[in-house]
Amino acid sequence: MHVSICHIAATPGPVTCLQVPTKLARNPRAMTRIVLPLAKPGIVTAVIFTFIQVWNEFVVAETIFNDPTRNRETLTVGINAFVGLYQTQYQYLFVASIIGIVPVVVLFAVIERYLVSGLTAGSIR
């Protein structure tokens, strides 16, 4: 019995498939040396999109996680606090926005090459 592991390269060409024996598939070290390099671009792409979605969440943070009695708020809700009805404190609003953008930019800069290869894997002209 075999387990098939296929890899679709980012460049056009044939699909590479490995026939891995079942005993080898049960070996965690061998599977991480074979499967993890093939799946890394897809995993990184899913992680970055999930991180950006969760980081920018406003509605759930406003309704569930907001605890003004203990002075605890998420960053997106805290940024909204600088916008008032008659006055907006732009200097604090922009500083808080930059603080909120920095982690996403750093994460993107670190894993940009994996993200691009994960997005283009399996695409056809």
N, C-alpha and C. Protein backbone atom coordinates (compact mmCIF):
# COMPACT_ATOMS: atom_id res chain seq x y z
N MET A 1 0.84 -1.17 0.00
CA MET A 1 0.00 0.00 0.00
C MET A 1 0.89 1.24 0.00
N HIS A 2 0.49 2.26 -0.77
CA HIS A 2 1.27 3.48 -0.89
C HIS A 2 0.39 4.69 -0.63
N VAL A 3 1.03 5.77 -0.22
CA VAL A 3 0.39 7.07 -0.07
C VAL A 3 0.98 7.98 -1.14
N SER A 4 0.14 8.60 -1.95
CA SER A 4 0.63 9.49 -3.00
C SER A 4 0.72 10.91 -2.50
N ILE A 5 1.87 11.53 -2.70
CA ILE A 5 2.09 12.92 -2.35
C ILE A 5 2.47 13.63 -3.64
N CYS A 6 1.65 14.59 -4.05
CA CYS A 6 1.89 15.29 -5.31
C CYS A 6 2.29 16.73 -5.04
N HIS A 7 3.15 17.25 -5.89
CA HIS A 7 3.63 18.63 -5.78
C HIS A 7 3.39 19.31 -7.11
N ILE A 8 2.69 20.42 -7.07
CA ILE A 8 2.45 21.20 -8.28
C ILE A 8 3.40 22.39 -8.21
N ALA A 9 4.35 22.44 -9.10
CA ALA A 9 5.36 23.49 -9.09
C ALA A 9 4.77 24.80 -9.57
N ALA A 10 5.46 25.89 -9.20
CA ALA A 10 5.01 27.21 -9.62
C ALA A 10 5.28 27.45 -11.10
N THR A 11 6.19 26.70 -11.67
CA THR A 11 6.50 26.83 -13.09
C THR A 11 5.72 25.78 -13.86
N PRO A 12 5.37 26.06 -15.11
CA PRO A 12 4.63 25.08 -15.90
C PRO A 12 5.47 23.82 -16.11
N GLY A 13 4.81 22.71 -16.07
CA GLY A 13 5.49 21.44 -16.26
C GLY A 13 4.67 20.32 -15.66
N PRO A 14 5.22 19.12 -15.67
CA PRO A 14 4.46 17.99 -15.14
C PRO A 14 4.32 18.06 -13.62
N VAL A 15 3.28 17.44 -13.13
CA VAL A 15 3.05 17.36 -11.69
C VAL A 15 3.95 16.26 -11.14
N THR A 16 4.67 16.56 -10.08
CA THR A 16 5.56 15.60 -9.47
C THR A 16 4.81 14.86 -8.36
N CYS A 17 4.77 13.54 -8.45
CA CYS A 17 4.11 12.75 -7.43
C CYS A 17 5.10 11.74 -6.87
N LEU A 18 5.02 11.54 -5.57
CA LEU A 18 5.85 10.55 -4.89
C LEU A 18 4.95 9.45 -4.37
N GLN A 19 5.36 8.21 -4.57
CA GLN A 19 4.66 7.07 -4.00
C GLN A 19 5.39 6.70 -2.72
N VAL A 20 4.80 7.02 -1.60
CA VAL A 20 5.43 6.78 -0.31
C VAL A 20 4.83 5.51 0.28
N PRO A 21 5.67 4.54 0.65
CA PRO A 21 5.14 3.33 1.29
C PRO A 21 4.44 3.68 2.61
N THR A 22 3.46 2.86 3.00
CA THR A 22 2.67 3.13 4.19
C THR A 22 3.54 3.16 5.44
N LYS A 23 4.54 2.30 5.53
CA LYS A 23 5.42 2.31 6.70
C LYS A 23 6.16 3.64 6.78
N LEU A 24 6.57 4.16 5.64
CA LEU A 24 7.26 5.44 5.62
C LEU A 24 6.31 6.58 5.98
N ALA A 25 5.04 6.43 5.58
CA ALA A 25 4.06 7.47 5.90
C ALA A 25 3.77 7.55 7.39
N ARG A 26 3.98 6.46 8.11
CA ARG A 26 3.75 6.47 9.56
C ARG A 26 4.93 7.05 10.32
N ASN A 27 6.07 7.22 9.66
CA ASN A 27 7.27 7.76 10.30
C ASN A 27 7.17 9.29 10.30
N PRO A 28 7.04 9.92 11.47
CA PRO A 28 6.86 11.38 11.49
C PRO A 28 8.06 12.14 10.94
N ARG A 29 9.24 11.67 11.19
CA ARG A 29 10.43 12.37 10.70
C ARG A 29 10.49 12.35 9.17
N ALA A 30 10.20 11.21 8.60
CA ALA A 30 10.23 11.11 7.14
C ALA A 30 9.11 11.93 6.51
N MET A 31 7.95 11.93 7.14
CA MET A 31 6.84 12.71 6.58
C MET A 31 7.13 14.21 6.66
N THR A 32 7.78 14.66 7.74
CA THR A 32 8.08 16.08 7.82
C THR A 32 9.17 16.47 6.83
N ARG A 33 10.03 15.55 6.49
CA ARG A 33 11.08 15.86 5.51
C ARG A 33 10.54 15.83 4.09
N ILE A 34 9.42 15.12 3.87
CA ILE A 34 8.86 15.02 2.52
C ILE A 34 7.65 15.96 2.37
N VAL A 35 6.70 15.86 3.29
CA VAL A 35 5.44 16.58 3.13
C VAL A 35 5.58 18.06 3.47
N LEU A 36 6.27 18.38 4.55
CA LEU A 36 6.35 19.78 4.98
C LEU A 36 6.99 20.69 3.93
N PRO A 37 8.10 20.32 3.28
CA PRO A 37 8.61 21.23 2.24
C PRO A 37 7.65 21.41 1.07
N LEU A 38 6.85 20.39 0.77
CA LEU A 38 5.89 20.52 -0.33
C LEU A 38 4.70 21.39 0.06
N ALA A 39 4.31 21.34 1.33
CA ALA A 39 3.13 22.07 1.77
C ALA A 39 3.44 23.44 2.36
N LYS A 40 4.70 23.78 2.52
CA LYS A 40 5.06 25.03 3.19
C LYS A 40 4.48 26.29 2.52
N PRO A 41 4.55 26.45 1.20
CA PRO A 41 3.96 27.67 0.61
C PRO A 41 2.46 27.81 0.86
N GLY A 42 1.73 26.72 0.79
CA GLY A 42 0.29 26.78 1.05
C GLY A 42 -0.02 27.08 2.50
N ILE A 43 0.74 26.50 3.42
CA ILE A 43 0.53 26.76 4.84
C ILE A 43 0.83 28.22 5.16
N VAL A 44 1.93 28.74 4.64
CA VAL A 44 2.30 30.13 4.91
C VAL A 44 1.26 31.08 4.33
N THR A 45 0.74 30.80 3.16
CA THR A 45 -0.30 31.64 2.57
C THR A 45 -1.55 31.66 3.43
N ALA A 46 -1.97 30.50 3.91
CA ALA A 46 -3.14 30.44 4.79
C ALA A 46 -2.90 31.19 6.10
N VAL A 47 -1.68 31.07 6.65
CA VAL A 47 -1.36 31.75 7.91
C VAL A 47 -1.40 33.27 7.75
N ILE A 48 -0.82 33.80 6.68
CA ILE A 48 -0.77 35.25 6.50
C ILE A 48 -2.16 35.82 6.26
N PHE A 49 -2.98 35.14 5.47
CA PHE A 49 -4.34 35.65 5.25
C PHE A 49 -5.18 35.58 6.52
N THR A 50 -5.01 34.52 7.30
CA THR A 50 -5.74 34.40 8.57
C THR A 50 -5.29 35.46 9.56
N PHE A 51 -3.98 35.71 9.63
CA PHE A 51 -3.46 36.73 10.54
C PHE A 51 -4.00 38.11 10.19
N ILE A 52 -3.98 38.46 8.92
CA ILE A 52 -4.47 39.78 8.51
C ILE A 52 -5.97 39.90 8.79
N GLN A 53 -6.73 38.85 8.55
CA GLN A 53 -8.17 38.89 8.81
C GLN A 53 -8.44 39.07 10.30
N VAL A 54 -7.75 38.33 11.15
CA VAL A 54 -7.98 38.43 12.59
C VAL A 54 -7.45 39.76 13.13
N TRP A 55 -6.33 40.23 12.60
CA TRP A 55 -5.74 41.48 13.09
C TRP A 55 -6.64 42.67 12.80
N ASN A 56 -7.34 42.65 11.69
CA ASN A 56 -8.19 43.77 11.29
C ASN A 56 -9.64 43.63 11.75
N GLU A 57 -9.93 42.64 12.55
CA GLU A 57 -11.30 42.40 12.99
C GLU A 57 -11.78 43.55 13.88
N PHE A 58 -12.94 44.09 13.57
CA PHE A 58 -13.50 45.19 14.35
C PHE A 58 -14.82 44.82 15.01
N VAL A 59 -15.72 44.21 14.27
CA VAL A 59 -17.07 43.97 14.76
C VAL A 59 -17.06 43.01 15.95
N VAL A 60 -16.34 41.91 15.83
CA VAL A 60 -16.29 40.94 16.92
C VAL A 60 -15.59 41.54 18.13
N ALA A 61 -14.52 42.29 17.90
CA ALA A 61 -13.81 42.93 19.00
C ALA A 61 -14.68 43.96 19.69
N GLU A 62 -15.49 44.67 18.95
CA GLU A 62 -16.36 45.69 19.54
C GLU A 62 -17.47 45.07 20.37
N THR A 63 -18.03 43.97 19.92
CA THR A 63 -19.19 43.40 20.62
C THR A 63 -18.83 42.41 21.72
N ILE A 64 -17.80 41.61 21.51
CA ILE A 64 -17.51 40.53 22.46
C ILE A 64 -16.36 40.87 23.40
N PHE A 65 -15.24 41.31 22.84
CA PHE A 65 -14.03 41.46 23.63
C PHE A 65 -13.85 42.83 24.27
N ASN A 66 -14.79 43.72 24.08
CA ASN A 66 -14.67 45.07 24.63
C ASN A 66 -15.05 45.05 26.10
N ASP A 67 -14.13 45.49 26.96
CA ASP A 67 -14.39 45.54 28.41
C ASP A 67 -13.95 46.91 28.94
N PRO A 68 -14.78 47.95 28.77
CA PRO A 68 -14.36 49.30 29.18
C PRO A 68 -14.25 49.47 30.69
N THR A 69 -14.89 48.61 31.47
CA THR A 69 -14.79 48.74 32.93
C THR A 69 -13.39 48.42 33.42
N ARG A 70 -12.70 47.54 32.76
CA ARG A 70 -11.32 47.20 33.11
C ARG A 70 -10.31 47.93 32.23
N ASN A 71 -10.80 48.81 31.40
CA ASN A 71 -9.95 49.59 30.49
C ASN A 71 -9.16 48.67 29.54
N ARG A 72 -9.84 47.65 29.03
CA ARG A 72 -9.23 46.72 28.07
C ARG A 72 -9.97 46.81 26.74
N GLU A 73 -9.22 47.08 25.70
CA GLU A 73 -9.78 47.13 24.35
C GLU A 73 -8.75 46.58 23.39
N THR A 74 -9.22 46.08 22.27
CA THR A 74 -8.28 45.70 21.21
C THR A 74 -7.82 46.96 20.50
N LEU A 75 -6.79 46.81 19.67
CA LEU A 75 -6.21 47.98 19.01
C LEU A 75 -7.20 48.66 18.07
N THR A 76 -7.94 47.87 17.31
CA THR A 76 -8.88 48.48 16.35
C THR A 76 -9.99 49.24 17.06
N VAL A 77 -10.46 48.74 18.18
CA VAL A 77 -11.49 49.45 18.95
C VAL A 77 -10.89 50.69 19.60
N GLY A 78 -9.64 50.57 20.07
CA GLY A 78 -8.98 51.72 20.68
C GLY A 78 -8.74 52.85 19.69
N ILE A 79 -8.43 52.50 18.45
CA ILE A 79 -8.26 53.53 17.42
C ILE A 79 -9.57 54.28 17.19
N ASN A 80 -10.67 53.57 17.25
CA ASN A 80 -11.97 54.20 17.06
C ASN A 80 -12.29 55.20 18.17
N ALA A 81 -11.68 55.03 19.33
CA ALA A 81 -11.94 55.93 20.45
C ALA A 81 -11.38 57.33 20.20
N PHE A 82 -10.42 57.47 19.29
CA PHE A 82 -9.85 58.79 19.01
C PHE A 82 -10.73 59.63 18.09
N VAL A 83 -11.77 59.04 17.54
CA VAL A 83 -12.69 59.77 16.67
C VAL A 83 -13.91 60.12 17.50
N GLY A 84 -14.11 61.41 17.74
CA GLY A 84 -15.23 61.88 18.55
C GLY A 84 -16.31 62.48 17.70
N LEU A 85 -17.38 62.91 18.35
CA LEU A 85 -18.50 63.51 17.64
C LEU A 85 -18.15 64.90 17.13
N TYR A 86 -17.47 65.70 17.94
CA TYR A 86 -17.14 67.07 17.56
C TYR A 86 -15.65 67.29 17.33
N GLN A 87 -14.84 66.35 17.77
CA GLN A 87 -13.39 66.54 17.66
C GLN A 87 -12.72 65.20 17.39
N THR A 88 -11.74 65.21 16.49
CA THR A 88 -10.95 64.02 16.20
C THR A 88 -9.50 64.32 16.52
N GLN A 89 -8.89 63.47 17.30
CA GLN A 89 -7.49 63.67 17.68
C GLN A 89 -6.62 62.94 16.65
N TYR A 90 -6.30 63.65 15.59
CA TYR A 90 -5.61 63.03 14.47
C TYR A 90 -4.20 62.57 14.83
N GLN A 91 -3.49 63.29 15.67
CA GLN A 91 -2.12 62.89 15.98
C GLN A 91 -2.11 61.52 16.66
N TYR A 92 -3.03 61.26 17.59
CA TYR A 92 -3.10 59.96 18.26
C TYR A 92 -3.67 58.89 17.34
N LEU A 93 -4.60 59.30 16.50
CA LEU A 93 -5.20 58.37 15.54
C LEU A 93 -4.15 57.83 14.57
N PHE A 94 -3.30 58.71 14.04
CA PHE A 94 -2.27 58.27 13.09
C PHE A 94 -1.19 57.44 13.76
N VAL A 95 -0.79 57.81 14.97
CA VAL A 95 0.21 57.02 15.69
C VAL A 95 -0.31 55.62 16.00
N ALA A 96 -1.54 55.52 16.45
CA ALA A 96 -2.13 54.21 16.74
C ALA A 96 -2.29 53.39 15.46
N SER A 97 -2.60 54.05 14.36
CA SER A 97 -2.72 53.34 13.08
C SER A 97 -1.37 52.79 12.63
N ILE A 98 -0.32 53.55 12.81
CA ILE A 98 1.02 53.06 12.44
C ILE A 98 1.43 51.90 13.33
N ILE A 99 1.12 51.99 14.62
CA ILE A 99 1.42 50.88 15.53
C ILE A 99 0.65 49.63 15.10
N GLY A 100 -0.55 49.78 14.60
CA GLY A 100 -1.33 48.65 14.14
C GLY A 100 -0.87 48.07 12.82
N ILE A 101 -0.23 48.89 12.00
CA ILE A 101 0.21 48.43 10.68
C ILE A 101 1.57 47.73 10.75
N VAL A 102 2.42 48.12 11.68
CA VAL A 102 3.79 47.60 11.74
C VAL A 102 3.86 46.07 11.82
N PRO A 103 3.12 45.38 12.70
CA PRO A 103 3.24 43.92 12.75
C PRO A 103 2.88 43.23 11.44
N VAL A 104 1.87 43.73 10.74
CA VAL A 104 1.47 43.13 9.47
C VAL A 104 2.55 43.33 8.41
N VAL A 105 3.14 44.51 8.36
CA VAL A 105 4.20 44.78 7.38
C VAL A 105 5.44 43.94 7.67
N VAL A 106 5.80 43.81 8.94
CA VAL A 106 6.97 42.99 9.29
C VAL A 106 6.71 41.52 8.95
N LEU A 107 5.53 41.02 9.28
CA LEU A 107 5.20 39.63 8.95
C LEU A 107 5.21 39.41 7.45
N PHE A 108 4.67 40.34 6.70
CA PHE A 108 4.66 40.20 5.24
C PHE A 108 6.08 40.24 4.68
N ALA A 109 6.94 41.11 5.21
CA ALA A 109 8.32 41.19 4.71
C ALA A 109 9.09 39.91 4.99
N VAL A 110 8.80 39.27 6.11
CA VAL A 110 9.52 38.05 6.47
C VAL A 110 9.10 36.88 5.58
N ILE A 111 7.81 36.74 5.30
CA ILE A 111 7.35 35.55 4.58
C ILE A 111 6.85 35.85 3.17
N GLU A 112 7.28 36.94 2.59
CA GLU A 112 6.81 37.34 1.26
C GLU A 112 7.13 36.31 0.19
N ARG A 113 8.31 35.73 0.22
CA ARG A 113 8.67 34.77 -0.84
C ARG A 113 7.82 33.51 -0.76
N TYR A 114 7.47 33.07 0.47
CA TYR A 114 6.61 31.90 0.60
C TYR A 114 5.18 32.23 0.16
N LEU A 115 4.75 33.44 0.43
CA LEU A 115 3.41 33.85 0.07
C LEU A 115 3.24 33.87 -1.45
N VAL A 116 4.20 34.43 -2.14
CA VAL A 116 4.13 34.51 -3.61
C VAL A 116 4.17 33.11 -4.22
N SER A 117 5.05 32.24 -3.72
CA SER A 117 5.11 30.89 -4.28
C SER A 117 3.87 30.10 -3.94
N GLY A 118 3.25 30.36 -2.79
CA GLY A 118 2.01 29.67 -2.43
C GLY A 118 0.83 30.14 -3.26
N LEU A 119 0.80 31.42 -3.60
CA LEU A 119 -0.29 31.93 -4.43
C LEU A 119 -0.19 31.48 -5.87
N THR A 120 1.03 31.32 -6.37
CA THR A 120 1.21 30.95 -7.77
C THR A 120 1.33 29.45 -7.98
N ALA A 121 1.36 28.66 -6.92
CA ALA A 121 1.49 27.21 -7.08
C ALA A 121 0.25 26.66 -7.77
N GLY A 122 0.46 25.93 -8.81
CA GLY A 122 -0.64 25.31 -9.53
C GLY A 122 -1.35 26.20 -10.51
N SER A 123 -0.88 27.41 -10.69
CA SER A 123 -1.57 28.28 -11.65
C SER A 123 -1.12 27.97 -13.08
N ILE A 124 -2.00 28.22 -13.97
CA ILE A 124 -1.71 28.02 -15.39
C ILE A 124 -1.82 29.38 -16.06
N ARG A 125 -0.97 29.62 -17.01
CA ARG A 125 -0.92 30.91 -17.71
C ARG A 125 -2.23 31.54 -17.86
